[in-house]
Amino acid sequence: MSQRGMATRREVLGDEHVDRAIEATTDLDRDFQSWITEAVWGGIWSRPGLDRRTRSLITIAILAALGHEEVELHVRAARNTGTAPEEIAEALMHVAVYAGVPAAHAAFKIAKRVGEGEPDG
């Protein structure tokens, strides 16, 4: 796996999450996990064109717009990228306008739960 990708993945998602993902890796998804680390974290997230705070907001908005539960992971990770809860709320307001109120509503529920300190798990 890419060292730069793993370092970025750990900085954004946190050691605990990455350690759990690595521990849960099997032969079935080993290549997929390696690809994520290299292409997503070592490639896209490590590019110089946007800071991590901006990448966090974009990621949260896209995941919310698509209705993916992984929005929770990235709302939690936003703590590591310098993203303020108010910025997440503004991004989700954009989601409501451009992707639909139900998508934004579901993401707000997740963001509120994460912001109120529900333990990772």
PDB file of N, CA and C in Angstrom:
ATOM      1  N   MET A   1       0.832  -1.190   0.000  1.00  0.00           N
ATOM      2  CA  MET A   1       0.000   0.000   0.000  1.00  0.00           C
ATOM      3  C   MET A   1       0.873   1.249   0.000  1.00  0.00           C
ATOM      4  N   SER A   2       0.348   2.271  -0.564  1.00  0.00           N
ATOM      5  CA  SER A   2       1.027   3.552  -0.637  1.00  0.00           C
ATOM      6  C   SER A   2       1.238   4.136   0.758  1.00  0.00           C
ATOM      7  N   GLN A   3       2.485   4.509   1.072  1.00  0.00           N
ATOM      8  CA  GLN A   3       2.770   5.124   2.374  1.00  0.00           C
ATOM      9  C   GLN A   3       2.082   6.480   2.486  1.00  0.00           C
ATOM     10  N   ARG A   4       2.115   7.268   1.419  1.00  0.00           N
ATOM     11  CA  ARG A   4       1.453   8.570   1.440  1.00  0.00           C
ATOM     12  C   ARG A   4      -0.049   8.378   1.625  1.00  0.00           C
ATOM     13  N   GLY A   5      -0.620   7.412   0.930  1.00  0.00           N
ATOM     14  CA  GLY A   5      -2.047   7.140   1.053  1.00  0.00           C
ATOM     15  C   GLY A   5      -2.427   6.713   2.461  1.00  0.00           C
ATOM     16  N   MET A   6      -1.629   5.838   3.046  1.00  0.00           N
ATOM     17  CA  MET A   6      -1.930   5.369   4.399  1.00  0.00           C
ATOM     18  C   MET A   6      -1.787   6.504   5.394  1.00  0.00           C
ATOM     19  N   ALA A   7      -0.779   7.346   5.227  1.00  0.00           N
ATOM     20  CA  ALA A   7      -0.595   8.472   6.141  1.00  0.00           C
ATOM     21  C   ALA A   7      -1.783   9.428   6.048  1.00  0.00           C
ATOM     22  N   THR A   8      -2.221   9.743   4.838  1.00  0.00           N
ATOM     23  CA  THR A   8      -3.361  10.638   4.661  1.00  0.00           C
ATOM     24  C   THR A   8      -4.627  10.003   5.211  1.00  0.00           C
ATOM     25  N   ARG A   9      -4.833   8.736   4.926  1.00  0.00           N
ATOM     26  CA  ARG A   9      -6.023   8.023   5.419  1.00  0.00           C
ATOM     27  C   ARG A   9      -6.087   8.085   6.943  1.00  0.00           C
ATOM     28  N   ARG A  10      -4.971   7.858   7.593  1.00  0.00           N
ATOM     29  CA  ARG A  10      -4.922   7.889   9.056  1.00  0.00           C
ATOM     30  C   ARG A  10      -5.134   9.307   9.590  1.00  0.00           C
ATOM     31  N   GLU A  11      -4.547  10.305   8.928  1.00  0.00           N
ATOM     32  CA  GLU A  11      -4.710  11.689   9.380  1.00  0.00           C
ATOM     33  C   GLU A  11      -6.159  12.143   9.282  1.00  0.00           C
ATOM     34  N   VAL A  12      -6.854  11.728   8.235  1.00  0.00           N
ATOM     35  CA  VAL A  12      -8.229  12.168   8.032  1.00  0.00           C
ATOM     36  C   VAL A  12      -9.215  11.315   8.830  1.00  0.00           C
ATOM     37  N   LEU A  13      -9.130  10.012   8.699  1.00  0.00           N
ATOM     38  CA  LEU A  13     -10.123   9.127   9.320  1.00  0.00           C
ATOM     39  C   LEU A  13      -9.790   8.750  10.755  1.00  0.00           C
ATOM     40  N   GLY A  14      -8.532   8.845  11.139  1.00  0.00           N
ATOM     41  CA  GLY A  14      -8.112   8.468  12.481  1.00  0.00           C
ATOM     42  C   GLY A  14      -7.584   7.044  12.528  1.00  0.00           C
ATOM     43  N   ASP A  15      -6.636   6.839  13.422  1.00  0.00           N
ATOM     44  CA  ASP A  15      -6.001   5.526  13.550  1.00  0.00           C
ATOM     45  C   ASP A  15      -6.987   4.427  13.905  1.00  0.00           C
ATOM     46  N   GLU A  16      -7.912   4.711  14.816  1.00  0.00           N
ATOM     47  CA  GLU A  16      -8.848   3.667  15.256  1.00  0.00           C
ATOM     48  C   GLU A  16      -9.667   3.135  14.091  1.00  0.00           C
ATOM     49  N   HIS A  17     -10.214   4.028  13.278  1.00  0.00           N
ATOM     50  CA  HIS A  17     -11.026   3.587  12.135  1.00  0.00           C
ATOM     51  C   HIS A  17     -10.176   2.787  11.145  1.00  0.00           C
ATOM     52  N   VAL A  18      -9.003   3.314  10.808  1.00  0.00           N
ATOM     53  CA  VAL A  18      -8.150   2.638   9.827  1.00  0.00           C
ATOM     54  C   VAL A  18      -7.698   1.286  10.361  1.00  0.00           C
ATOM     55  N   ASP A  19      -7.333   1.211  11.639  1.00  0.00           N
ATOM     56  CA  ASP A  19      -6.936  -0.072  12.220  1.00  0.00           C
ATOM     57  C   ASP A  19      -8.071  -1.086  12.146  1.00  0.00           C
ATOM     58  N   ARG A  20      -9.304  -0.639  12.426  1.00  0.00           N
ATOM     59  CA  ARG A  20     -10.461  -1.554  12.317  1.00  0.00           C
ATOM     60  C   ARG A  20     -10.652  -2.016  10.881  1.00  0.00           C
ATOM     61  N   ALA A  21     -10.499  -1.105   9.927  1.00  0.00           N
ATOM     62  CA  ALA A  21     -10.666  -1.469   8.516  1.00  0.00           C
ATOM     63  C   ALA A  21      -9.606  -2.471   8.082  1.00  0.00           C
ATOM     64  N   ILE A  22      -8.385  -2.245   8.499  1.00  0.00           N
ATOM     65  CA  ILE A  22      -7.307  -3.168   8.149  1.00  0.00           C
ATOM     66  C   ILE A  22      -7.539  -4.527   8.792  1.00  0.00           C
ATOM     67  N   GLU A  23      -7.943  -4.519  10.049  1.00  0.00           N
ATOM     68  CA  GLU A  23      -8.201  -5.772  10.765  1.00  0.00           C
ATOM     69  C   GLU A  23      -9.336  -6.567  10.126  1.00  0.00           C
ATOM     70  N   ALA A  24     -10.319  -5.860   9.584  1.00  0.00           N
ATOM     71  CA  ALA A  24     -11.477  -6.517   8.977  1.00  0.00           C
ATOM     72  C   ALA A  24     -11.230  -6.952   7.530  1.00  0.00           C
ATOM     73  N   THR A  25     -10.083  -6.590   6.970  1.00  0.00           N
ATOM     74  CA  THR A  25      -9.777  -6.935   5.584  1.00  0.00           C
ATOM     75  C   THR A  25      -9.590  -8.441   5.442  1.00  0.00           C
ATOM     76  N   THR A  26     -10.172  -8.978   4.387  1.00  0.00           N
ATOM     77  CA  THR A  26     -10.028 -10.401   4.076  1.00  0.00           C
ATOM     78  C   THR A  26      -9.448 -10.533   2.670  1.00  0.00           C
ATOM     79  N   ASP A  27      -9.238 -11.768   2.249  1.00  0.00           N
ATOM     80  CA  ASP A  27      -8.759 -11.998   0.887  1.00  0.00           C
ATOM     81  C   ASP A  27      -9.727 -11.417  -0.143  1.00  0.00           C
ATOM     82  N   LEU A  28     -11.007 -11.406   0.185  1.00  0.00           N
ATOM     83  CA  LEU A  28     -12.018 -10.912  -0.743  1.00  0.00           C
ATOM     84  C   LEU A  28     -11.841  -9.436  -1.056  1.00  0.00           C
ATOM     85  N   ASP A  29     -11.540  -8.627  -0.043  1.00  0.00           N
ATOM     86  CA  ASP A  29     -11.466  -7.179  -0.271  1.00  0.00           C
ATOM     87  C   ASP A  29     -10.061  -6.587  -0.113  1.00  0.00           C
ATOM     88  N   ARG A  30      -9.043  -7.430  -0.015  1.00  0.00           N
ATOM     89  CA  ARG A  30      -7.671  -6.947   0.173  1.00  0.00           C
ATOM     90  C   ARG A  30      -7.243  -6.010  -0.962  1.00  0.00           C
ATOM     91  N   ASP A  31      -7.495  -6.403  -2.202  1.00  0.00           N
ATOM     92  CA  ASP A  31      -7.118  -5.559  -3.339  1.00  0.00           C
ATOM     93  C   ASP A  31      -7.924  -4.260  -3.344  1.00  0.00           C
ATOM     94  N   PHE A  32      -9.192  -4.325  -2.966  1.00  0.00           N
ATOM     95  CA  PHE A  32     -10.036  -3.136  -2.905  1.00  0.00           C
ATOM     96  C   PHE A  32      -9.504  -2.163  -1.861  1.00  0.00           C
ATOM     97  N   GLN A  33      -9.170  -2.652  -0.670  1.00  0.00           N
ATOM     98  CA  GLN A  33      -8.626  -1.804   0.383  1.00  0.00           C
ATOM     99  C   GLN A  33      -7.303  -1.167  -0.048  1.00  0.00           C
ATOM    100  N   SER A  34      -6.476  -1.930  -0.726  1.00  0.00           N
ATOM    101  CA  SER A  34      -5.211  -1.401  -1.226  1.00  0.00           C
ATOM    102  C   SER A  34      -5.467  -0.302  -2.259  1.00  0.00           C
ATOM    103  N   TRP A  35      -6.414  -0.531  -3.151  1.00  0.00           N
ATOM    104  CA  TRP A  35      -6.759   0.455  -4.173  1.00  0.00           C
ATOM    105  C   TRP A  35      -7.291   1.740  -3.542  1.00  0.00           C
ATOM    106  N   ILE A  36      -8.177   1.612  -2.541  1.00  0.00           N
ATOM    107  CA  ILE A  36      -8.703   2.790  -1.849  1.00  0.00           C
ATOM    108  C   ILE A  36      -7.557   3.608  -1.259  1.00  0.00           C
ATOM    109  N   THR A  37      -6.646   2.928  -0.592  1.00  0.00           N
ATOM    110  CA  THR A  37      -5.532   3.622   0.054  1.00  0.00           C
ATOM    111  C   THR A  37      -4.663   4.337  -0.973  1.00  0.00           C
ATOM    112  N   GLU A  38      -4.383   3.673  -2.083  1.00  0.00           N
ATOM    113  CA  GLU A  38      -3.512   4.271  -3.092  1.00  0.00           C
ATOM    114  C   GLU A  38      -4.217   5.339  -3.916  1.00  0.00           C
ATOM    115  N   ALA A  39      -5.382   5.015  -4.471  1.00  0.00           N
ATOM    116  CA  ALA A  39      -6.054   5.925  -5.405  1.00  0.00           C
ATOM    117  C   ALA A  39      -6.795   7.058  -4.707  1.00  0.00           C
ATOM    118  N   VAL A  40      -7.560   6.718  -3.684  1.00  0.00           N
ATOM    119  CA  VAL A  40      -8.384   7.717  -3.015  1.00  0.00           C
ATOM    120  C   VAL A  40      -7.532   8.557  -2.067  1.00  0.00           C
ATOM    121  N   TRP A  41      -6.850   7.893  -1.128  1.00  0.00           N
ATOM    122  CA  TRP A  41      -6.111   8.627  -0.092  1.00  0.00           C
ATOM    123  C   TRP A  41      -4.749   9.097  -0.571  1.00  0.00           C
ATOM    124  N   GLY A  42      -4.035   8.275  -1.324  1.00  0.00           N
ATOM    125  CA  GLY A  42      -2.727   8.677  -1.838  1.00  0.00           C
ATOM    126  C   GLY A  42      -2.829   9.535  -3.086  1.00  0.00           C
ATOM    127  N   GLY A  43      -3.952   9.429  -3.788  1.00  0.00           N
ATOM    128  CA  GLY A  43      -4.164  10.190  -5.011  1.00  0.00           C
ATOM    129  C   GLY A  43      -5.000  11.423  -4.769  1.00  0.00           C
ATOM    130  N   ILE A  44      -6.300  11.267  -4.727  1.00  0.00           N
ATOM    131  CA  ILE A  44      -7.223  12.403  -4.650  1.00  0.00           C
ATOM    132  C   ILE A  44      -7.039  13.222  -3.372  1.00  0.00           C
ATOM    133  N   TRP A  45      -7.090  12.583  -2.208  1.00  0.00           N
ATOM    134  CA  TRP A  45      -7.014  13.326  -0.945  1.00  0.00           C
ATOM    135  C   TRP A  45      -5.636  13.944  -0.711  1.00  0.00           C
ATOM    136  N   SER A  46      -4.619  13.495  -1.412  1.00  0.00           N
ATOM    137  CA  SER A  46      -3.269  14.033  -1.226  1.00  0.00           C
ATOM    138  C   SER A  46      -2.890  15.088  -2.265  1.00  0.00           C
ATOM    139  N   ARG A  47      -3.784  15.370  -3.187  1.00  0.00           N
ATOM    140  CA  ARG A  47      -3.499  16.388  -4.202  1.00  0.00           C
ATOM    141  C   ARG A  47      -3.420  17.775  -3.552  1.00  0.00           C
ATOM    142  N   PRO A  48      -2.596  18.661  -4.113  1.00  0.00           N
ATOM    143  CA  PRO A  48      -2.406  19.981  -3.506  1.00  0.00           C
ATOM    144  C   PRO A  48      -3.493  21.009  -3.832  1.00  0.00           C
ATOM    145  N   GLY A  49      -4.384  20.749  -4.758  1.00  0.00           N
ATOM    146  CA  GLY A  49      -5.321  21.762  -5.233  1.00  0.00           C
ATOM    147  C   GLY A  49      -6.379  22.218  -4.252  1.00  0.00           C
ATOM    148  N   LEU A  50      -6.738  21.390  -3.285  1.00  0.00           N
ATOM    149  CA  LEU A  50      -7.739  21.729  -2.264  1.00  0.00           C
ATOM    150  C   LEU A  50      -7.209  21.319  -0.900  1.00  0.00           C
ATOM    151  N   ASP A  51      -7.544  22.099   0.116  1.00  0.00           N
ATOM    152  CA  ASP A  51      -7.153  21.697   1.460  1.00  0.00           C
ATOM    153  C   ASP A  51      -8.106  20.611   1.969  1.00  0.00           C
ATOM    154  N   ARG A  52      -7.731  19.975   3.044  1.00  0.00           N
ATOM    155  CA  ARG A  52      -8.531  18.856   3.563  1.00  0.00           C
ATOM    156  C   ARG A  52      -9.896  19.296   4.073  1.00  0.00           C
ATOM    157  N   ARG A  53      -9.990  20.489   4.600  1.00  0.00           N
ATOM    158  CA  ARG A  53     -11.277  21.006   5.052  1.00  0.00           C
ATOM    159  C   ARG A  53     -12.247  21.083   3.885  1.00  0.00           C
ATOM    160  N   THR A  54     -11.781  21.603   2.778  1.00  0.00           N
ATOM    161  CA  THR A  54     -12.622  21.709   1.587  1.00  0.00           C
ATOM    162  C   THR A  54     -12.983  20.322   1.070  1.00  0.00           C
ATOM    163  N   ARG A  55     -12.012  19.435   1.035  1.00  0.00           N
ATOM    164  CA  ARG A  55     -12.300  18.057   0.581  1.00  0.00           C
ATOM    165  C   ARG A  55     -13.330  17.388   1.494  1.00  0.00           C
ATOM    166  N   SER A  56     -13.234  17.646   2.798  1.00  0.00           N
ATOM    167  CA  SER A  56     -14.221  17.087   3.732  1.00  0.00           C
ATOM    168  C   SER A  56     -15.620  17.580   3.402  1.00  0.00           C
ATOM    169  N   LEU A  57     -15.759  18.880   3.191  1.00  0.00           N
ATOM    170  CA  LEU A  57     -17.074  19.447   2.883  1.00  0.00           C
ATOM    171  C   LEU A  57     -17.634  18.888   1.582  1.00  0.00           C
ATOM    172  N   ILE A  58     -16.790  18.790   0.573  1.00  0.00           N
ATOM    173  CA  ILE A  58     -17.242  18.230  -0.710  1.00  0.00           C
ATOM    174  C   ILE A  58     -17.682  16.783  -0.525  1.00  0.00           C
ATOM    175  N   THR A  59     -16.887  16.016   0.183  1.00  0.00           N
ATOM    176  CA  THR A  59     -17.194  14.597   0.396  1.00  0.00           C
ATOM    177  C   THR A  59     -18.496  14.434   1.162  1.00  0.00           C
ATOM    178  N   ILE A  60     -18.676  15.195   2.224  1.00  0.00           N
ATOM    179  CA  ILE A  60     -19.909  15.121   3.014  1.00  0.00           C
ATOM    180  C   ILE A  60     -21.110  15.473   2.141  1.00  0.00           C
ATOM    181  N   ALA A  61     -20.984  16.529   1.357  1.00  0.00           N
ATOM    182  CA  ALA A  61     -22.100  16.944   0.496  1.00  0.00           C
ATOM    183  C   ALA A  61     -22.438  15.879  -0.541  1.00  0.00           C
ATOM    184  N   ILE A  62     -21.439  15.305  -1.172  1.00  0.00           N
ATOM    185  CA  ILE A  62     -21.696  14.277  -2.189  1.00  0.00           C
ATOM    186  C   ILE A  62     -22.336  13.046  -1.559  1.00  0.00           C
ATOM    187  N   LEU A  63     -21.765  12.585  -0.448  1.00  0.00           N
ATOM    188  CA  LEU A  63     -22.320  11.403   0.210  1.00  0.00           C
ATOM    189  C   LEU A  63     -23.748  11.648   0.678  1.00  0.00           C
ATOM    190  N   ALA A  64     -24.000  12.845   1.209  1.00  0.00           N
ATOM    191  CA  ALA A  64     -25.357  13.189   1.645  1.00  0.00           C
ATOM    192  C   ALA A  64     -26.303  13.221   0.446  1.00  0.00           C
ATOM    193  N   ALA A  65     -25.874  13.838  -0.644  1.00  0.00           N
ATOM    194  CA  ALA A  65     -26.720  13.943  -1.833  1.00  0.00           C
ATOM    195  C   ALA A  65     -27.073  12.570  -2.397  1.00  0.00           C
ATOM    196  N   LEU A  66     -26.142  11.650  -2.277  1.00  0.00           N
ATOM    197  CA  LEU A  66     -26.375  10.298  -2.794  1.00  0.00           C
ATOM    198  C   LEU A  66     -27.048   9.380  -1.778  1.00  0.00           C
ATOM    199  N   GLY A  67     -27.217   9.872  -0.562  1.00  0.00           N
ATOM    200  CA  GLY A  67     -27.881   9.091   0.467  1.00  0.00           C
ATOM    201  C   GLY A  67     -27.041   7.954   1.019  1.00  0.00           C
ATOM    202  N   HIS A  68     -25.731   8.101   0.994  1.00  0.00           N
ATOM    203  CA  HIS A  68     -24.848   7.038   1.474  1.00  0.00           C
ATOM    204  C   HIS A  68     -24.604   7.158   2.975  1.00  0.00           C
ATOM    205  N   GLU A  69     -24.669   6.047   3.662  1.00  0.00           N
ATOM    206  CA  GLU A  69     -24.456   6.056   5.112  1.00  0.00           C
ATOM    207  C   GLU A  69     -23.029   6.420   5.481  1.00  0.00           C
ATOM    208  N   GLU A  70     -22.098   6.362   4.556  1.00  0.00           N
ATOM    209  CA  GLU A  70     -20.712   6.710   4.832  1.00  0.00           C
ATOM    210  C   GLU A  70     -20.556   8.196   5.180  1.00  0.00           C
ATOM    211  N   VAL A  71     -21.629   8.958   5.010  1.00  0.00           N
ATOM    212  CA  VAL A  71     -21.596  10.368   5.429  1.00  0.00           C
ATOM    213  C   VAL A  71     -21.229  10.461   6.912  1.00  0.00           C
ATOM    214  N   GLU A  72     -21.660   9.504   7.699  1.00  0.00           N
ATOM    215  CA  GLU A  72     -21.335   9.528   9.133  1.00  0.00           C
ATOM    216  C   GLU A  72     -19.833   9.456   9.358  1.00  0.00           C
ATOM    217  N   LEU A  73     -19.166   8.571   8.658  1.00  0.00           N
ATOM    218  CA  LEU A  73     -17.711   8.449   8.777  1.00  0.00           C
ATOM    219  C   LEU A  73     -17.040   9.780   8.471  1.00  0.00           C
ATOM    220  N   HIS A  74     -17.500  10.448   7.433  1.00  0.00           N
ATOM    221  CA  HIS A  74     -16.842  11.682   7.023  1.00  0.00           C
ATOM    222  C   HIS A  74     -17.231  12.882   7.888  1.00  0.00           C
ATOM    223  N   VAL A  75     -18.403  12.853   8.500  1.00  0.00           N
ATOM    224  CA  VAL A  75     -18.730  13.897   9.477  1.00  0.00           C
ATOM    225  C   VAL A  75     -17.803  13.739  10.683  1.00  0.00           C
ATOM    226  N   ARG A  76     -17.591  12.503  11.117  1.00  0.00           N
ATOM    227  CA  ARG A  76     -16.647  12.266  12.219  1.00  0.00           C
ATOM    228  C   ARG A  76     -15.241  12.692  11.824  1.00  0.00           C
ATOM    229  N   ALA A  77     -14.830  12.341  10.614  1.00  0.00           N
ATOM    230  CA  ALA A  77     -13.484  12.657  10.139  1.00  0.00           C
ATOM    231  C   ALA A  77     -13.270  14.160   9.996  1.00  0.00           C
ATOM    232  N   ALA A  78     -14.344  14.898   9.795  1.00  0.00           N
ATOM    233  CA  ALA A  78     -14.232  16.349   9.628  1.00  0.00           C
ATOM    234  C   ALA A  78     -13.584  16.998  10.852  1.00  0.00           C
ATOM    235  N   ARG A  79     -13.678  16.354  11.995  1.00  0.00           N
ATOM    236  CA  ARG A  79     -13.008  16.854  13.204  1.00  0.00           C
ATOM    237  C   ARG A  79     -11.495  16.922  12.992  1.00  0.00           C
ATOM    238  N   ASN A  80     -10.981  16.018  12.155  1.00  0.00           N
ATOM    239  CA  ASN A  80      -9.537  15.932  11.913  1.00  0.00           C
ATOM    240  C   ASN A  80      -9.078  16.844  10.783  1.00  0.00           C
ATOM    241  N   THR A  81     -10.014  17.474  10.086  1.00  0.00           N
ATOM    242  CA  THR A  81      -9.639  18.286   8.931  1.00  0.00           C
ATOM    243  C   THR A  81      -9.874  19.778   9.154  1.00  0.00           C
ATOM    244  N   GLY A  82     -10.234  20.138  10.367  1.00  0.00           N
ATOM    245  CA  GLY A  82     -10.463  21.546  10.668  1.00  0.00           C
ATOM    246  C   GLY A  82     -11.797  22.070  10.184  1.00  0.00           C
ATOM    247  N   THR A  83     -12.729  21.181   9.942  1.00  0.00           N
ATOM    248  CA  THR A  83     -14.051  21.567   9.452  1.00  0.00           C
ATOM    249  C   THR A  83     -14.975  21.828  10.637  1.00  0.00           C
ATOM    250  N   ALA A  84     -15.553  23.001  10.687  1.00  0.00           N
ATOM    251  CA  ALA A  84     -16.442  23.376  11.786  1.00  0.00           C
ATOM    252  C   ALA A  84     -17.838  22.804  11.558  1.00  0.00           C
ATOM    253  N   PRO A  85     -18.544  22.465  12.633  1.00  0.00           N
ATOM    254  CA  PRO A  85     -19.921  21.980  12.493  1.00  0.00           C
ATOM    255  C   PRO A  85     -20.807  22.941  11.696  1.00  0.00           C
ATOM    256  N   GLU A  86     -20.583  24.234  11.853  1.00  0.00           N
ATOM    257  CA  GLU A  86     -21.382  25.223  11.117  1.00  0.00           C
ATOM    258  C   GLU A  86     -21.130  25.129   9.609  1.00  0.00           C
ATOM    259  N   GLU A  87     -19.909  24.777   9.232  1.00  0.00           N
ATOM    260  CA  GLU A  87     -19.598  24.598   7.812  1.00  0.00           C
ATOM    261  C   GLU A  87     -20.290  23.359   7.256  1.00  0.00           C
ATOM    262  N   ILE A  88     -20.344  22.320   8.060  1.00  0.00           N
ATOM    263  CA  ILE A  88     -21.059  21.112   7.639  1.00  0.00           C
ATOM    264  C   ILE A  88     -22.534  21.445   7.439  1.00  0.00           C
ATOM    265  N   ALA A  89     -23.103  22.202   8.375  1.00  0.00           N
ATOM    266  CA  ALA A  89     -24.511  22.598   8.247  1.00  0.00           C
ATOM    267  C   ALA A  89     -24.741  23.390   6.963  1.00  0.00           C
ATOM    268  N   GLU A  90     -23.842  24.301   6.628  1.00  0.00           N
ATOM    269  CA  GLU A  90     -23.983  25.079   5.394  1.00  0.00           C
ATOM    270  C   GLU A  90     -23.894  24.179   4.158  1.00  0.00           C
ATOM    271  N   ALA A  91     -22.975  23.220   4.190  1.00  0.00           N
ATOM    272  CA  ALA A  91     -22.864  22.281   3.062  1.00  0.00           C
ATOM    273  C   ALA A  91     -24.156  21.478   2.912  1.00  0.00           C
ATOM    274  N   LEU A  92     -24.742  21.079   4.032  1.00  0.00           N
ATOM    275  CA  LEU A  92     -25.982  20.304   3.976  1.00  0.00           C
ATOM    276  C   LEU A  92     -27.162  21.158   3.520  1.00  0.00           C
ATOM    277  N   MET A  93     -27.130  22.450   3.795  1.00  0.00           N
ATOM    278  CA  MET A  93     -28.155  23.342   3.247  1.00  0.00           C
ATOM    279  C   MET A  93     -28.053  23.369   1.722  1.00  0.00           C
ATOM    280  N   HIS A  94     -26.838  23.359   1.210  1.00  0.00           N
ATOM    281  CA  HIS A  94     -26.645  23.298  -0.240  1.00  0.00           C
ATOM    282  C   HIS A  94     -27.196  21.977  -0.793  1.00  0.00           C
ATOM    283  N   VAL A  95     -26.960  20.908  -0.063  1.00  0.00           N
ATOM    284  CA  VAL A  95     -27.489  19.604  -0.479  1.00  0.00           C
ATOM    285  C   VAL A  95     -29.006  19.683  -0.581  1.00  0.00           C
ATOM    286  N   ALA A  96     -29.647  20.321   0.382  1.00  0.00           N
ATOM    287  CA  ALA A  96     -31.112  20.422   0.374  1.00  0.00           C
ATOM    288  C   ALA A  96     -31.604  21.102  -0.896  1.00  0.00           C
ATOM    289  N   VAL A  97     -30.920  22.149  -1.306  1.00  0.00           N
ATOM    290  CA  VAL A  97     -31.351  22.895  -2.482  1.00  0.00           C
ATOM    291  C   VAL A  97     -31.075  22.128  -3.769  1.00  0.00           C
ATOM    292  N   TYR A  98     -29.898  21.549  -3.884  1.00  0.00           N
ATOM    293  CA  TYR A  98     -29.474  20.971  -5.149  1.00  0.00           C
ATOM    294  C   TYR A  98     -29.693  19.461  -5.270  1.00  0.00           C
ATOM    295  N   ALA A  99     -29.868  18.780  -4.154  1.00  0.00           N
ATOM    296  CA  ALA A  99     -30.053  17.334  -4.223  1.00  0.00           C
ATOM    297  C   ALA A  99     -31.333  16.869  -3.551  1.00  0.00           C
ATOM    298  N   GLY A 100     -31.996  17.747  -2.823  1.00  0.00           N
ATOM    299  CA  GLY A 100     -33.269  17.388  -2.222  1.00  0.00           C
ATOM    300  C   GLY A 100     -33.266  17.445  -0.711  1.00  0.00           C
ATOM    301  N   VAL A 101     -34.398  17.874  -0.200  1.00  0.00           N
ATOM    302  CA  VAL A 101     -34.583  18.007   1.234  1.00  0.00           C
ATOM    303  C   VAL A 101     -34.448  16.662   1.957  1.00  0.00           C
ATOM    304  N   PRO A 102     -35.013  15.555   1.442  1.00  0.00           N
ATOM    305  CA  PRO A 102     -34.870  14.286   2.170  1.00  0.00           C
ATOM    306  C   PRO A 102     -33.408  13.865   2.363  1.00  0.00           C
ATOM    307  N   ALA A 103     -32.587  14.072   1.346  1.00  0.00           N
ATOM    308  CA  ALA A 103     -31.173  13.718   1.471  1.00  0.00           C
ATOM    309  C   ALA A 103     -30.499  14.574   2.535  1.00  0.00           C
ATOM    310  N   ALA A 104     -30.775  15.868   2.524  1.00  0.00           N
ATOM    311  CA  ALA A 104     -30.184  16.766   3.519  1.00  0.00           C
ATOM    312  C   ALA A 104     -30.709  16.452   4.915  1.00  0.00           C
ATOM    313  N   HIS A 105     -31.991  16.163   5.014  1.00  0.00           N
ATOM    314  CA  HIS A 105     -32.586  15.848   6.319  1.00  0.00           C
ATOM    315  C   HIS A 105     -31.923  14.629   6.935  1.00  0.00           C
ATOM    316  N   ALA A 106     -31.728  13.588   6.150  1.00  0.00           N
ATOM    317  CA  ALA A 106     -31.076  12.372   6.653  1.00  0.00           C
ATOM    318  C   ALA A 106     -29.643  12.674   7.103  1.00  0.00           C
ATOM    319  N   ALA A 107     -28.941  13.489   6.338  1.00  0.00           N
ATOM    320  CA  ALA A 107     -27.563  13.824   6.693  1.00  0.00           C
ATOM    321  C   ALA A 107     -27.500  14.711   7.929  1.00  0.00           C
ATOM    322  N   PHE A 108     -28.448  15.635   8.077  1.00  0.00           N
ATOM    323  CA  PHE A 108     -28.499  16.463   9.285  1.00  0.00           C
ATOM    324  C   PHE A 108     -28.706  15.584  10.518  1.00  0.00           C
ATOM    325  N   LYS A 109     -29.555  14.570  10.411  1.00  0.00           N
ATOM    326  CA  LYS A 109     -29.770  13.665  11.548  1.00  0.00           C
ATOM    327  C   LYS A 109     -28.462  13.003  11.953  1.00  0.00           C
ATOM    328  N   ILE A 110     -27.686  12.578  10.969  1.00  0.00           N
ATOM    329  CA  ILE A 110     -26.396  11.948  11.255  1.00  0.00           C
ATOM    330  C   ILE A 110     -25.443  12.957  11.861  1.00  0.00           C
ATOM    331  N   ALA A 111     -25.359  14.140  11.268  1.00  0.00           N
ATOM    332  CA  ALA A 111     -24.437  15.171  11.768  1.00  0.00           C
ATOM    333  C   ALA A 111     -24.782  15.566  13.203  1.00  0.00           C
ATOM    334  N   LYS A 112     -26.075  15.663  13.513  1.00  0.00           N
ATOM    335  CA  LYS A 112     -26.482  15.996  14.884  1.00  0.00           C
ATOM    336  C   LYS A 112     -26.070  14.895  15.852  1.00  0.00           C
ATOM    337  N   ARG A 113     -26.283  13.661  15.461  1.00  0.00           N
ATOM    338  CA  ARG A 113     -25.916  12.533  16.324  1.00  0.00           C
ATOM    339  C   ARG A 113     -24.415  12.507  16.558  1.00  0.00           C
ATOM    340  N   VAL A 114     -23.634  12.700  15.518  1.00  0.00           N
ATOM    341  CA  VAL A 114     -22.178  12.710  15.652  1.00  0.00           C
ATOM    342  C   VAL A 114     -21.733  13.902  16.481  1.00  0.00           C
ATOM    343  N   GLY A 115     -22.328  15.066  16.245  1.00  0.00           N
ATOM    344  CA  GLY A 115     -21.954  16.280  16.960  1.00  0.00           C
ATOM    345  C   GLY A 115     -22.296  16.245  18.443  1.00  0.00           C
ATOM    346  N   GLU A 116     -23.257  15.414  18.794  1.00  0.00           N
ATOM    347  CA  GLU A 116     -23.639  15.298  20.200  1.00  0.00           C
ATOM    348  C   GLU A 116     -22.789  14.267  20.930  1.00  0.00           C
ATOM    349  N   GLY A 117     -21.764  13.783  20.239  1.00  0.00           N
ATOM    350  CA  GLY A 117     -20.780  12.953  20.904  1.00  0.00           C
ATOM    351  C   GLY A 117     -21.110  11.481  21.005  1.00  0.00           C
ATOM    352  N   GLU A 118     -21.933  10.980  20.102  1.00  0.00           N
ATOM    353  CA  GLU A 118     -22.179   9.541  20.123  1.00  0.00           C
ATOM    354  C   GLU A 118     -20.846   8.840  19.882  1.00  0.00           C
ATOM    355  N   PRO A 119     -20.530   7.833  20.662  1.00  0.00           N
ATOM    356  CA  PRO A 119     -19.234   7.181  20.512  1.00  0.00           C
ATOM    357  C   PRO A 119     -19.101   6.495  19.165  1.00  0.00           C
ATOM    358  N   ASP A 120     -17.842   6.447  18.693  1.00  0.00           N
ATOM    359  CA  ASP A 120     -17.571   5.723  17.442  1.00  0.00           C
ATOM    360  C   ASP A 120     -17.894   4.255  17.668  1.00  0.00           C
ATOM    361  N   GLY A 121     -18.287   3.611  16.590  1.00  0.00           N
ATOM    362  CA  GLY A 121     -18.570   2.201  16.781  1.00  0.00           C
ATOM    363  C   GLY A 121     -19.070   1.591  15.631  1.00  0.00           C
TER     364      GLY A 121
END
